[in-house]
């Protein structure tokens, strides 16, 4: 129980340091740079969404990963096979 008083504050402190670092680097851009237009432009997002919605949806039947778990398979006797 004695180690908990060190571990919990250390974990919380590391999360705080990670959050502050993320804000400084990504939002405040302390190393310079700009946000790309493809991320910041709502018009770009709308056009991309239109493109993806316009693609035809073609696919085969659903794939069963483990057919034995479905329990709807037919077991044939050796004489039928």
N, C-alpha and C. Protein backbone atom coordinates (compact mmCIF):
# COMPACT_ATOMS: atom_id res chain seq x y z
N UNK A 1 0.82 -1.19 0.00
CA UNK A 1 0.00 0.00 0.00
C UNK A 1 0.86 1.26 0.00
N UNK A 2 2.09 1.14 0.45
CA UNK A 2 2.95 2.30 0.53
C UNK A 2 3.40 2.82 -0.82
N UNK A 3 3.51 1.92 -1.81
CA UNK A 3 3.97 2.34 -3.13
C UNK A 3 2.89 3.10 -3.90
N UNK A 4 1.64 2.86 -3.54
CA UNK A 4 0.53 3.50 -4.26
C UNK A 4 0.60 5.01 -4.16
N UNK A 5 1.06 5.52 -3.04
CA UNK A 5 1.12 6.97 -2.88
C UNK A 5 2.17 7.61 -3.79
N UNK A 6 3.06 6.80 -4.33
CA UNK A 6 4.04 7.32 -5.30
C UNK A 6 3.60 7.05 -6.74
N UNK A 7 2.98 5.89 -6.98
CA UNK A 7 2.64 5.48 -8.34
C UNK A 7 1.53 6.34 -8.91
N UNK A 8 0.45 6.54 -8.16
CA UNK A 8 -0.69 7.31 -8.68
C UNK A 8 -0.30 8.75 -9.03
N UNK A 9 0.38 9.48 -8.15
CA UNK A 9 0.79 10.83 -8.55
C UNK A 9 1.76 10.84 -9.75
N UNK A 10 2.61 9.83 -9.84
CA UNK A 10 3.54 9.76 -10.96
C UNK A 10 2.79 9.55 -12.27
N UNK A 11 1.78 8.68 -12.28
CA UNK A 11 1.00 8.43 -13.49
C UNK A 11 0.21 9.69 -13.87
N UNK A 12 -0.43 10.31 -12.88
CA UNK A 12 -1.18 11.54 -13.16
C UNK A 12 -0.26 12.65 -13.66
N UNK A 13 0.92 12.76 -13.08
CA UNK A 13 1.88 13.76 -13.53
C UNK A 13 2.35 13.51 -14.95
N UNK A 14 2.55 12.24 -15.30
CA UNK A 14 2.98 11.93 -16.67
C UNK A 14 1.89 12.26 -17.68
N UNK A 15 0.62 12.03 -17.30
CA UNK A 15 -0.48 12.42 -18.19
C UNK A 15 -0.53 13.93 -18.35
N UNK A 16 -0.30 14.67 -17.28
CA UNK A 16 -0.31 16.13 -17.34
C UNK A 16 0.81 16.63 -18.25
N UNK A 17 1.98 16.07 -18.11
CA UNK A 17 3.12 16.47 -18.95
C UNK A 17 2.83 16.14 -20.42
N UNK A 18 2.23 14.96 -20.67
CA UNK A 18 1.91 14.58 -22.05
C UNK A 18 0.87 15.53 -22.65
N UNK A 19 -0.13 15.91 -21.86
CA UNK A 19 -1.17 16.81 -22.36
C UNK A 19 -0.59 18.19 -22.69
N UNK A 20 0.20 18.73 -21.77
CA UNK A 20 0.80 20.05 -22.00
C UNK A 20 1.72 20.01 -23.22
N UNK A 21 2.48 18.95 -23.35
CA UNK A 21 3.37 18.83 -24.51
C UNK A 21 2.57 18.76 -25.81
N UNK A 22 1.47 18.02 -25.80
CA UNK A 22 0.63 17.91 -26.99
C UNK A 22 0.05 19.26 -27.38
N UNK A 23 -0.44 20.01 -26.41
CA UNK A 23 -1.02 21.32 -26.70
C UNK A 23 0.05 22.25 -27.26
N UNK A 24 1.22 22.24 -26.66
CA UNK A 24 2.28 23.14 -27.12
C UNK A 24 2.74 22.81 -28.54
N UNK A 25 2.91 21.53 -28.83
CA UNK A 25 3.43 21.14 -30.14
C UNK A 25 2.35 21.19 -31.21
N UNK A 26 1.16 20.64 -30.93
CA UNK A 26 0.14 20.53 -31.97
C UNK A 26 -0.68 21.81 -32.14
N UNK A 27 -1.09 22.42 -31.03
CA UNK A 27 -1.98 23.57 -31.14
C UNK A 27 -1.23 24.90 -31.19
N UNK A 28 -0.27 25.06 -30.33
CA UNK A 28 0.48 26.33 -30.29
C UNK A 28 1.59 26.40 -31.33
N UNK A 29 1.95 25.25 -31.89
CA UNK A 29 2.98 25.16 -32.95
C UNK A 29 4.28 25.83 -32.52
N UNK A 30 4.83 25.39 -31.39
CA UNK A 30 6.06 26.01 -30.89
C UNK A 30 7.26 25.74 -31.80
N UNK A 31 7.17 24.71 -32.65
CA UNK A 31 8.25 24.43 -33.57
C UNK A 31 7.99 25.01 -34.96
N UNK A 32 6.94 25.80 -35.08
CA UNK A 32 6.61 26.40 -36.37
C UNK A 32 5.67 25.52 -37.16
N UNK A 33 5.38 25.95 -38.36
CA UNK A 33 4.51 25.18 -39.23
C UNK A 33 3.08 25.69 -39.18
N UNK A 34 2.26 25.16 -40.07
CA UNK A 34 0.87 25.55 -40.14
C UNK A 34 0.01 24.31 -40.25
N UNK A 35 -1.27 24.47 -40.01
CA UNK A 35 -2.20 23.37 -40.18
C UNK A 35 -2.56 23.26 -41.65
N UNK A 36 -2.46 22.06 -42.24
CA UNK A 36 -2.76 21.91 -43.66
C UNK A 36 -4.21 22.27 -43.98
N UNK A 37 -4.44 22.75 -45.19
CA UNK A 37 -5.79 23.13 -45.60
C UNK A 37 -6.72 21.93 -45.59
N UNK A 38 -6.19 20.75 -45.88
CA UNK A 38 -7.03 19.56 -45.92
C UNK A 38 -7.58 19.20 -44.55
N UNK A 39 -7.00 19.72 -43.49
CA UNK A 39 -7.49 19.47 -42.14
C UNK A 39 -8.37 20.61 -41.66
N UNK A 40 -8.05 21.82 -42.03
CA UNK A 40 -8.73 22.98 -41.48
C UNK A 40 -9.92 23.46 -42.31
N UNK A 41 -10.05 23.01 -43.55
CA UNK A 41 -11.09 23.53 -44.44
C UNK A 41 -12.33 22.63 -44.39
N UNK A 42 -13.47 23.19 -44.02
CA UNK A 42 -14.72 22.43 -44.02
C UNK A 42 -15.14 22.07 -45.44
N UNK A 43 -14.81 22.95 -46.40
CA UNK A 43 -15.14 22.66 -47.79
C UNK A 43 -14.43 21.40 -48.27
N UNK A 44 -13.18 21.22 -47.88
CA UNK A 44 -12.43 20.03 -48.27
C UNK A 44 -13.07 18.79 -47.67
N UNK A 45 -13.47 18.86 -46.41
CA UNK A 45 -14.13 17.70 -45.76
C UNK A 45 -15.42 17.35 -46.48
N UNK A 46 -16.20 18.37 -46.86
CA UNK A 46 -17.47 18.12 -47.54
C UNK A 46 -17.25 17.45 -48.89
N UNK A 47 -16.27 17.91 -49.66
CA UNK A 47 -15.98 17.31 -50.96
C UNK A 47 -15.48 15.87 -50.81
N UNK A 48 -14.63 15.64 -49.82
CA UNK A 48 -14.14 14.28 -49.59
C UNK A 48 -15.28 13.35 -49.21
N UNK A 49 -16.18 13.83 -48.37
CA UNK A 49 -17.32 13.02 -47.97
C UNK A 49 -18.21 12.70 -49.17
N UNK A 50 -18.43 13.69 -50.05
CA UNK A 50 -19.22 13.45 -51.26
C UNK A 50 -18.56 12.39 -52.13
N UNK A 51 -17.24 12.44 -52.26
CA UNK A 51 -16.52 11.47 -53.09
C UNK A 51 -16.69 10.06 -52.54
N UNK A 52 -16.54 9.91 -51.23
CA UNK A 52 -16.66 8.58 -50.64
C UNK A 52 -18.09 8.06 -50.71
N UNK A 53 -19.08 8.93 -50.58
CA UNK A 53 -20.47 8.49 -50.66
C UNK A 53 -20.86 8.12 -52.09
N UNK A 54 -20.16 8.66 -53.09
CA UNK A 54 -20.48 8.39 -54.49
C UNK A 54 -19.92 7.07 -54.98
N UNK A 55 -18.95 6.49 -54.27
CA UNK A 55 -18.37 5.23 -54.70
C UNK A 55 -19.41 4.13 -54.61
N UNK A 56 -19.44 3.25 -55.60
CA UNK A 56 -20.40 2.14 -55.53
C UNK A 56 -19.98 1.16 -54.43
N UNK A 57 -20.96 0.68 -53.74
CA UNK A 57 -20.71 -0.29 -52.67
C UNK A 57 -20.90 -1.69 -53.23
N UNK A 58 -19.81 -2.33 -53.58
CA UNK A 58 -19.88 -3.69 -54.09
C UNK A 58 -19.11 -4.59 -53.16
N UNK A 59 -19.77 -5.65 -52.76
CA UNK A 59 -19.11 -6.59 -51.87
C UNK A 59 -19.79 -7.94 -52.01
N UNK A 60 -19.09 -8.95 -51.60
CA UNK A 60 -19.66 -10.28 -51.61
C UNK A 60 -20.46 -10.52 -50.34
N UNK A 61 -20.87 -11.75 -50.14
CA UNK A 61 -21.62 -12.07 -48.92
C UNK A 61 -20.73 -11.90 -47.69
N UNK A 62 -21.32 -11.75 -46.53
CA UNK A 62 -20.51 -11.59 -45.32
C UNK A 62 -19.61 -12.80 -45.09
N UNK A 63 -18.44 -12.55 -44.58
CA UNK A 63 -17.48 -13.61 -44.33
C UNK A 63 -17.63 -14.07 -42.89
N UNK A 64 -17.71 -15.37 -42.70
CA UNK A 64 -17.81 -15.93 -41.36
C UNK A 64 -16.42 -16.33 -40.94
N UNK A 65 -15.93 -15.73 -39.86
CA UNK A 65 -14.58 -16.00 -39.42
C UNK A 65 -14.46 -17.39 -38.83
N UNK A 66 -15.42 -17.78 -38.03
CA UNK A 66 -15.38 -19.10 -37.41
C UNK A 66 -16.72 -19.79 -37.67
N UNK A 67 -16.86 -20.53 -38.76
CA UNK A 67 -18.15 -21.10 -39.10
C UNK A 67 -18.65 -22.13 -38.09
N UNK A 68 -17.75 -22.76 -37.36
CA UNK A 68 -18.19 -23.77 -36.39
C UNK A 68 -18.97 -23.12 -35.26
N UNK A 69 -18.64 -21.88 -34.92
CA UNK A 69 -19.34 -21.22 -33.82
C UNK A 69 -20.78 -20.86 -34.20
N UNK A 70 -21.11 -20.84 -35.47
CA UNK A 70 -22.48 -20.50 -35.88
C UNK A 70 -23.43 -21.68 -35.70
N UNK A 71 -22.92 -22.88 -35.71
CA UNK A 71 -23.70 -24.10 -35.49
C UNK A 71 -24.83 -24.27 -36.51
N UNK A 72 -24.61 -23.83 -37.73
CA UNK A 72 -25.63 -24.07 -38.76
C UNK A 72 -25.03 -24.82 -39.95
N UNK A 73 -23.95 -25.52 -39.72
CA UNK A 73 -23.33 -26.28 -40.80
C UNK A 73 -23.98 -27.66 -40.88
N UNK A 74 -23.87 -28.28 -42.03
CA UNK A 74 -24.47 -29.59 -42.25
C UNK A 74 -23.36 -30.62 -42.21
N UNK A 75 -23.54 -31.61 -41.36
CA UNK A 75 -22.58 -32.70 -41.25
C UNK A 75 -23.08 -33.85 -42.12
N UNK A 76 -22.28 -34.24 -43.09
CA UNK A 76 -22.66 -35.34 -43.98
C UNK A 76 -22.04 -36.63 -43.47
N UNK A 77 -22.77 -37.68 -43.63
CA UNK A 77 -22.21 -38.99 -43.26
C UNK A 77 -21.20 -39.39 -44.31
N UNK A 78 -20.34 -40.32 -43.98
CA UNK A 78 -19.30 -40.76 -44.91
C UNK A 78 -19.89 -41.44 -46.15
N UNK A 79 -21.09 -42.02 -46.03
CA UNK A 79 -21.69 -42.69 -47.19
C UNK A 79 -22.18 -41.68 -48.22
N UNK A 80 -22.59 -40.48 -47.77
CA UNK A 80 -23.07 -39.45 -48.70
C UNK A 80 -21.93 -38.74 -49.43
N UNK A 81 -20.80 -38.66 -48.79
CA UNK A 81 -19.70 -37.87 -49.33
C UNK A 81 -18.99 -38.54 -50.47
